[in-house]
């Protein structure tokens, strides 16, 4: 089985990771989710020999909650109608087994093929679909995730697995120390520049869209070349991104090297930028992560956006999609980045003021 990153019909590259063993499957899950999880059920949506997305849910605390858990889980899956699913549970048998026993017939009733059902814990794993002791002994199959070549490929692609959920949720917290001081100074300079230019009656109406596109690409090229984005450029980008058409055209630029790289870009921008300007890059990160199957990252990015701008309509829309269990394939089928570029540019040409920045108030909490 291999992990295949779905792509739109543009030049976005795909990443294929081949999984040879159960250990490979278990090893890559924290990288696809973003962090190591305990007492969790992972639902790996499978299409042929590829899996398209990973949904995960915490196991119910009590046996009497299993029926509700299974009902909600099947409801989430039937929205995307996967042809098949692999179910991987982490935790003790007394918590995982009742869920597996109830989930298997529920999935079959919805005509969803169950590829495998696996439990793993403390370096051993068990298959619920194999009763051959020669293949699946009662005391489990030992595995070692530390030697998985699949993980090496994911790490090379820039993916990380935090040790726990609490650590993972801190990755978008605003930077502190010297980086924060540098961004504060750069932001103050950029705001003064923007205010002066917004009051310049001689400035071409189309300047802001062109400047937004130029600045986004310049910042993107820094990261592509392995250089940190300069504070001055990042602060100026933050101001330009407050315009919806600039935010949207910047999203398309950062998709050029694929969703993994775009995710890295928007993660850096969101964490380093002045918190008052975090809404736009956080929204772009949330949408990128959602399309990339990184639902956990999408959730904390949405929260970061709403913290900076509680009324942000796009962030609320993505939040609703996450609550509804929308999967990446539902967003990719009809989305062509080239078409987005054309429509955004045409709109900005007809409505140049849609690209004018809107400076936020100074009372947004960090």
Protein backbone atom coordinates (compact mmCIF):
# COMPACT_ATOMS: atom_id res chain seq x y z
CA UNK A 1 0.00 0.00 0.00
CA UNK A 2 1.29 3.50 -0.69
CA UNK A 3 0.42 6.98 0.44
CA UNK A 4 -0.52 9.04 -2.57
CA UNK A 5 -0.96 12.77 -2.20
CA UNK A 6 -3.85 13.65 -4.49
CA UNK A 7 -3.26 16.59 -6.81
CA UNK A 8 -5.33 18.97 -8.86
CA UNK A 9 -4.95 18.83 -12.66
CA UNK A 10 -2.19 21.46 -12.48
CA UNK A 11 1.56 21.01 -12.15
CA UNK A 12 1.36 20.08 -8.46
CA UNK A 13 3.67 17.12 -7.85
CA UNK A 14 2.54 13.99 -6.05
CA UNK A 15 4.36 12.20 -3.27
CA UNK A 16 4.20 8.42 -3.15
CA UNK A 17 5.38 6.53 -0.07
CA UNK A 18 5.35 2.75 -0.30
CA UNK A 19 4.26 0.86 2.81
CA UNK A 20 5.64 -2.69 2.87
CA UNK A 21 4.68 -3.80 6.38
CA UNK A 22 2.26 -3.14 9.22
CA UNK A 23 5.14 -1.35 10.95
CA UNK A 24 5.30 1.10 8.03
CA UNK A 25 1.59 1.80 8.36
CA UNK A 26 1.84 2.39 12.09
CA UNK A 27 5.01 4.47 11.70
CA UNK A 28 3.63 6.96 9.17
CA UNK A 29 0.32 7.70 10.91
CA UNK A 30 1.74 10.28 13.38
CA UNK A 31 3.36 12.14 10.46
CA UNK A 32 0.11 12.24 8.52
CA UNK A 33 -1.84 13.41 11.57
CA UNK A 34 0.89 15.70 12.90
CA UNK A 35 1.54 14.14 16.30
CA UNK A 36 1.72 10.86 18.19
CA UNK A 37 -1.66 9.83 19.59
CA UNK A 38 -2.76 7.50 22.35
CA UNK A 39 -6.13 5.76 22.57
CA UNK A 40 -7.16 6.69 19.04
CA UNK A 41 -8.89 5.13 16.06
CA UNK A 42 -7.38 6.02 12.68
CA UNK A 43 -9.54 5.59 9.58
CA UNK A 44 -7.35 5.33 6.49
CA UNK A 45 -9.41 6.01 3.36
CA UNK A 46 -8.18 3.74 0.59
CA UNK A 47 -8.50 4.09 -3.18
CA UNK A 48 -7.05 1.07 -4.95
CA UNK A 49 -3.44 0.77 -3.78
CA UNK A 50 -3.32 4.32 -2.45
CA UNK A 51 -4.76 5.95 0.61
CA UNK A 52 -6.22 9.38 0.19
CA UNK A 53 -6.79 10.67 3.71
CA UNK A 54 -6.60 9.77 7.37
CA UNK A 55 -9.41 10.58 9.78
CA UNK A 56 -8.81 10.07 13.48
CA UNK A 57 -10.99 10.03 16.56
CA UNK A 58 -10.27 9.53 20.23
CA UNK A 59 -11.61 6.25 21.60
CA UNK A 60 -14.74 6.48 23.76
CA UNK A 61 -14.01 6.48 27.47
CA UNK A 62 -16.79 4.04 28.38
CA UNK A 63 -18.28 0.93 26.76
CA UNK A 64 -21.79 2.44 26.74
CA UNK A 65 -20.53 5.18 24.40
CA UNK A 66 -19.31 2.74 21.73
CA UNK A 67 -22.58 2.65 19.77
CA UNK A 68 -22.73 6.44 19.49
CA UNK A 69 -19.04 6.55 18.56
CA UNK A 70 -19.51 4.02 15.76
CA UNK A 71 -22.63 5.76 14.44
CA UNK A 72 -20.85 9.11 14.26
CA UNK A 73 -17.77 7.52 12.67
CA UNK A 74 -19.75 5.80 9.93
CA UNK A 75 -21.64 9.04 9.29
CA UNK A 76 -18.34 10.85 8.72
CA UNK A 77 -17.13 8.17 6.34
CA UNK A 78 -20.29 8.00 4.27
CA UNK A 79 -19.93 11.68 3.36
CA UNK A 80 -16.89 10.81 1.26
CA UNK A 81 -18.02 7.30 0.29
CA UNK A 82 -14.56 5.68 0.19
CA UNK A 83 -14.36 2.38 -1.66
CA UNK A 84 -12.40 0.88 1.20
CA UNK A 85 -10.96 1.76 4.59
CA UNK A 86 -8.25 0.42 6.88
CA UNK A 87 -8.98 0.87 10.59
CA UNK A 88 -5.99 1.23 12.91
CA UNK A 89 -6.50 1.54 16.66
CA UNK A 90 -3.98 2.46 19.31
CA UNK A 91 -4.64 1.47 22.90
CA UNK A 92 -5.45 -1.47 25.17
CA UNK A 93 -7.63 -4.28 23.87
CA UNK A 94 -10.46 -3.57 26.30
CA UNK A 95 -10.94 -0.16 24.69
CA UNK A 96 -10.11 -0.89 21.04
CA UNK A 97 -11.79 -4.29 20.57
CA UNK A 98 -15.41 -3.24 21.35
CA UNK A 99 -15.09 -0.43 18.79
CA UNK A 100 -13.64 -2.74 16.15
CA UNK A 101 -16.34 -5.37 16.78
CA UNK A 102 -19.10 -2.80 16.27
CA UNK A 103 -17.43 -0.87 13.46
CA UNK A 104 -16.79 -3.82 11.12
CA UNK A 105 -20.47 -4.74 10.47
CA UNK A 106 -21.46 -1.06 10.39
CA UNK A 107 -19.00 -0.37 7.58
CA UNK A 108 -20.00 -3.51 5.70
CA UNK A 109 -23.64 -2.43 5.89
CA UNK A 110 -22.65 0.78 4.09
CA UNK A 111 -20.84 -1.24 1.39
CA UNK A 112 -17.45 0.07 2.50
CA UNK A 113 -14.78 -2.62 2.13
CA UNK A 114 -12.62 -3.08 5.23
CA UNK A 115 -9.02 -3.69 4.08
CA UNK A 116 -7.72 -4.45 7.56
CA UNK A 117 -8.42 -3.75 11.22
CA UNK A 118 -5.32 -3.44 13.38
CA UNK A 119 -4.61 -2.68 17.01
CA UNK A 120 -1.15 -1.65 18.17
CA UNK A 121 0.36 -0.95 21.56
CA UNK A 122 3.79 -1.14 23.21
CA UNK A 123 5.67 -2.39 20.16
CA UNK A 124 3.21 -5.13 19.16
CA UNK A 125 0.25 -5.19 16.78
CA UNK A 126 -2.73 -7.48 16.13
CA UNK A 127 -5.04 -7.91 13.13
CA UNK A 128 -8.75 -8.43 13.77
CA UNK A 129 -9.22 -9.92 10.30
CA UNK A 130 -6.56 -12.63 10.51
CA UNK A 131 -7.12 -15.68 12.72
CA UNK A 132 -4.12 -17.70 11.54
CA UNK A 133 -1.72 -18.02 14.50
CA UNK A 134 1.16 -18.68 12.12
CA UNK A 135 0.62 -15.25 10.60
CA UNK A 136 -0.91 -13.35 13.50
CA UNK A 137 0.07 -14.99 16.82
CA UNK A 138 -2.12 -14.30 19.87
CA UNK A 139 0.63 -12.34 21.59
CA UNK A 140 0.89 -10.00 18.60
CA UNK A 141 3.41 -9.18 15.91
CA UNK A 142 6.44 -7.17 17.07
CA UNK A 143 7.18 -4.03 15.10
CA UNK A 144 9.82 -1.31 15.09
CA UNK A 145 8.76 2.04 13.65
CA UNK A 146 12.25 3.48 14.09
CA UNK A 147 13.61 1.58 11.12
CA UNK A 148 10.77 2.33 8.67
CA UNK A 149 12.06 3.73 5.34
CA UNK A 150 8.62 5.28 4.83
CA UNK A 151 9.26 7.63 7.75
CA UNK A 152 12.61 8.66 6.29
CA UNK A 153 10.84 9.72 3.09
CA UNK A 154 8.26 11.74 5.02
CA UNK A 155 10.94 13.50 7.07
CA UNK A 156 12.83 14.31 3.86
CA UNK A 157 9.63 15.85 2.53
CA UNK A 158 9.56 18.19 5.55
CA UNK A 159 6.87 16.41 7.57
CA UNK A 160 7.13 16.15 11.34
CA UNK A 161 5.35 14.23 14.11
CA UNK A 162 5.12 16.06 17.42
CA UNK A 163 5.33 13.96 20.59
CA UNK A 164 1.77 14.80 21.68
CA UNK A 165 -1.26 16.93 20.91
CA UNK A 166 -0.30 19.69 23.35
CA UNK A 167 3.10 20.17 21.68
CA UNK A 168 1.52 20.04 18.23
CA UNK A 169 -0.97 22.79 19.07
CA UNK A 170 1.90 25.13 19.98
CA UNK A 171 3.46 25.18 16.50
CA UNK A 172 1.37 28.18 15.42
CA UNK A 173 1.85 30.20 18.57
CA UNK A 174 3.48 33.58 17.83
CA UNK A 175 7.26 33.58 17.98
CA UNK A 176 8.87 35.26 20.96
CA UNK A 177 12.18 36.87 21.87
CA UNK A 178 14.36 38.52 19.24
CA UNK A 179 12.22 37.24 16.37
CA UNK A 180 9.14 38.89 17.90
CA UNK A 181 11.01 42.15 18.48
CA UNK A 182 12.24 42.19 14.89
CA UNK A 183 8.73 41.57 13.57
CA UNK A 184 7.24 44.29 15.79
CA UNK A 185 9.72 46.85 14.47
CA UNK A 186 9.24 45.74 10.86
CA UNK A 187 5.45 45.82 11.22
CA UNK A 188 5.50 49.36 12.60
CA UNK A 189 7.57 50.48 9.59
CA UNK A 190 5.32 48.63 7.14
CA UNK A 191 2.17 50.13 8.64
CA UNK A 192 3.54 53.65 8.31
CA UNK A 193 4.45 52.92 4.70
CA UNK A 194 0.98 51.53 3.94
CA UNK A 195 -0.83 54.45 5.56
CA UNK A 196 1.19 56.93 3.51
CA UNK A 197 0.54 55.06 0.29
CA UNK A 198 -3.18 54.65 0.97
CA UNK A 199 -3.40 58.43 1.23
CA UNK A 200 -1.44 58.98 -2.00
CA UNK A 201 -4.03 60.13 -4.55
CA UNK A 202 -1.56 59.66 -7.40
CA UNK A 203 -1.06 55.96 -6.76
CA UNK A 204 -2.35 53.67 -9.50
CA UNK A 205 -5.45 51.77 -8.32
CA UNK A 206 -3.96 48.50 -9.58
CA UNK A 207 -0.73 48.92 -7.60
CA UNK A 208 -1.83 46.92 -4.58
CA UNK A 209 -2.74 43.71 -6.41
CA UNK A 210 0.49 43.74 -8.42
CA UNK A 211 2.51 44.53 -5.31
CA UNK A 212 0.79 41.77 -3.34
CA UNK A 213 1.57 39.23 -6.02
CA UNK A 214 5.20 40.41 -6.23
CA UNK A 215 5.74 40.35 -2.46
CA UNK A 216 4.13 36.93 -2.01
CA UNK A 217 6.36 35.46 -4.70
CA UNK A 218 9.47 37.10 -3.23
CA UNK A 219 8.76 35.65 0.23
CA UNK A 220 7.95 32.29 -1.34
CA UNK A 221 11.26 32.27 -3.23
CA UNK A 222 13.17 32.85 0.01
CA UNK A 223 11.69 29.70 1.53
CA UNK A 224 12.13 27.75 -1.70
CA UNK A 225 15.84 28.63 -1.64
CA UNK A 226 16.15 27.55 1.99
CA UNK A 227 16.50 31.09 3.34
CA UNK A 228 14.46 32.60 6.19
CA UNK A 229 11.97 35.21 5.03
CA UNK A 230 13.30 38.67 6.06
CA UNK A 231 11.20 40.39 8.74
CA UNK A 232 10.68 43.45 6.53
CA UNK A 233 9.28 41.41 3.65
CA UNK A 234 7.13 39.30 5.96
CA UNK A 235 5.66 42.37 7.67
CA UNK A 236 4.85 43.96 4.31
CA UNK A 237 3.27 40.70 3.12
CA UNK A 238 1.11 40.62 6.25
CA UNK A 239 -0.34 44.01 5.42
CA UNK A 240 -0.91 43.13 1.76
CA UNK A 241 -2.66 39.86 2.69
CA UNK A 242 -5.43 41.79 4.49
CA UNK A 243 -6.93 42.29 1.02
CA UNK A 244 -8.98 39.26 -0.02
CA UNK A 245 -7.79 39.18 -3.64
CA UNK A 246 -4.14 39.40 -2.55
CA UNK A 247 -4.69 36.64 0.02
CA UNK A 248 -6.23 34.47 -2.67
CA UNK A 249 -3.59 35.08 -5.36
CA UNK A 250 -0.87 34.40 -2.76
CA UNK A 251 -2.54 31.06 -2.06
CA UNK A 252 -2.25 30.06 -5.72
CA UNK A 253 1.41 31.10 -5.92
CA UNK A 254 2.28 28.93 -2.93
CA UNK A 255 0.60 25.88 -4.48
CA UNK A 256 3.10 25.85 -7.35
CA UNK A 257 5.50 23.51 -5.54
CA UNK A 258 2.76 21.27 -4.15
CA UNK A 259 0.68 21.23 -1.00
CA UNK A 260 3.46 20.01 1.34
CA UNK A 261 5.63 23.00 0.49
CA UNK A 262 2.70 25.42 0.62
CA UNK A 263 1.87 24.06 4.07
CA UNK A 264 5.43 24.77 5.24
CA UNK A 265 5.26 28.30 3.85
CA UNK A 266 1.99 29.27 5.50
CA UNK A 267 3.05 27.65 8.77
CA UNK A 268 6.14 29.85 8.92
CA UNK A 269 4.24 33.00 7.93
CA UNK A 270 1.47 32.38 10.48
CA UNK A 271 3.84 31.74 13.38
CA UNK A 272 6.24 34.61 12.65
CA UNK A 273 3.90 37.38 11.56
CA UNK A 274 2.58 40.04 13.93
CA UNK A 275 -0.47 38.42 15.61
CA UNK A 276 -2.75 41.21 14.37
CA UNK A 277 -2.07 40.05 10.80
CA UNK A 278 -2.31 36.30 11.40
CA UNK A 279 -5.87 35.80 10.11
CA UNK A 280 -5.12 35.73 6.37
CA UNK A 281 -2.06 33.44 6.40
CA UNK A 282 -3.75 31.18 8.98
CA UNK A 283 -6.80 30.84 6.72
CA UNK A 284 -4.57 29.98 3.76
CA UNK A 285 -2.76 27.45 5.95
CA UNK A 286 -6.04 25.92 7.11
CA UNK A 287 -7.33 25.50 3.56
CA UNK A 288 -3.99 24.13 2.35
CA UNK A 289 -3.81 21.67 5.25
CA UNK A 290 -7.40 20.57 4.70
CA UNK A 291 -6.71 19.86 1.02
CA UNK A 292 -3.50 18.07 2.02
CA UNK A 293 -5.26 15.73 4.43
CA UNK A 294 -3.72 17.41 7.51
CA UNK A 295 -6.96 17.90 9.41
CA UNK A 296 -5.27 18.42 12.79
CA UNK A 297 -3.17 21.28 11.44
CA UNK A 298 -6.21 22.74 9.67
CA UNK A 299 -8.06 22.87 12.98
CA UNK A 300 -5.40 24.78 14.89
CA UNK A 301 -4.89 27.10 11.90
CA UNK A 302 -8.61 27.92 11.87
CA UNK A 303 -8.48 28.63 15.60
CA UNK A 304 -5.48 30.91 15.04
CA UNK A 305 -7.35 32.79 12.29
CA UNK A 306 -10.45 33.26 14.43
CA UNK A 307 -8.33 34.40 17.35
CA UNK A 308 -6.94 37.19 15.18
CA UNK A 309 -10.23 37.93 13.41
CA UNK A 310 -13.30 36.37 15.08
CA UNK A 311 -15.62 37.29 12.22
CA UNK A 312 -13.47 35.88 9.40
CA UNK A 313 -16.04 34.21 7.13
CA UNK A 314 -13.58 31.93 5.31
CA UNK A 315 -12.21 30.62 8.61
CA UNK A 316 -15.73 29.91 9.81
CA UNK A 317 -16.50 28.09 6.55
CA UNK A 318 -13.41 25.88 6.92
CA UNK A 319 -14.32 25.23 10.55
CA UNK A 320 -17.76 24.05 9.43
CA UNK A 321 -16.16 21.79 6.81
CA UNK A 322 -13.91 20.24 9.46
CA UNK A 323 -16.84 19.61 11.78
CA UNK A 324 -18.71 17.96 8.90
CA UNK A 325 -15.80 15.61 8.21
CA UNK A 326 -15.05 16.95 4.72
CA UNK A 327 -12.11 15.04 3.24
CA UNK A 328 -9.43 16.26 0.78
CA UNK A 329 -10.93 14.55 -2.26
CA UNK A 330 -14.14 16.52 -1.82
CA UNK A 331 -12.13 19.74 -2.22
CA UNK A 332 -9.85 18.63 -5.02
CA UNK A 333 -12.24 17.23 -7.59
CA UNK A 334 -13.40 20.59 -8.96
CA UNK A 335 -10.48 22.81 -8.01
CA UNK A 336 -8.01 23.87 -10.68
CA UNK A 337 -5.40 26.37 -9.52
CA UNK A 338 -4.89 27.77 -13.04
CA UNK A 339 -8.58 28.63 -13.22
CA UNK A 340 -8.37 30.28 -9.80
CA UNK A 341 -5.49 32.48 -10.94
CA UNK A 342 -7.49 33.62 -13.96
CA UNK A 343 -10.67 34.38 -12.02
CA UNK A 344 -8.86 36.17 -9.16
CA UNK A 345 -6.84 38.31 -11.59
CA UNK A 346 -9.92 39.21 -13.63
CA UNK A 347 -11.83 40.19 -10.50
CA UNK A 348 -8.92 42.31 -9.23
CA UNK A 349 -8.72 44.05 -12.61
CA UNK A 350 -12.43 44.91 -12.53
CA UNK A 351 -12.40 45.79 -8.82
CA UNK A 352 -8.94 47.15 -8.00
CA UNK A 353 -9.97 48.37 -4.56
CA UNK A 354 -10.54 44.74 -3.51
CA UNK A 355 -6.75 44.53 -3.33
CA UNK A 356 -6.33 47.54 -1.06
CA UNK A 357 -5.07 46.56 2.40
CA UNK A 358 -7.23 47.05 5.47
CA UNK A 359 -5.11 47.71 8.54
CA UNK A 360 -6.50 45.90 11.60
CA UNK A 361 -7.08 47.55 14.99
CA UNK A 362 -4.35 47.46 17.58
CA UNK A 363 -6.32 45.52 20.18
CA UNK A 364 -6.04 41.98 18.75
CA UNK A 365 -4.76 39.59 21.41
CA UNK A 366 -1.51 37.74 20.62
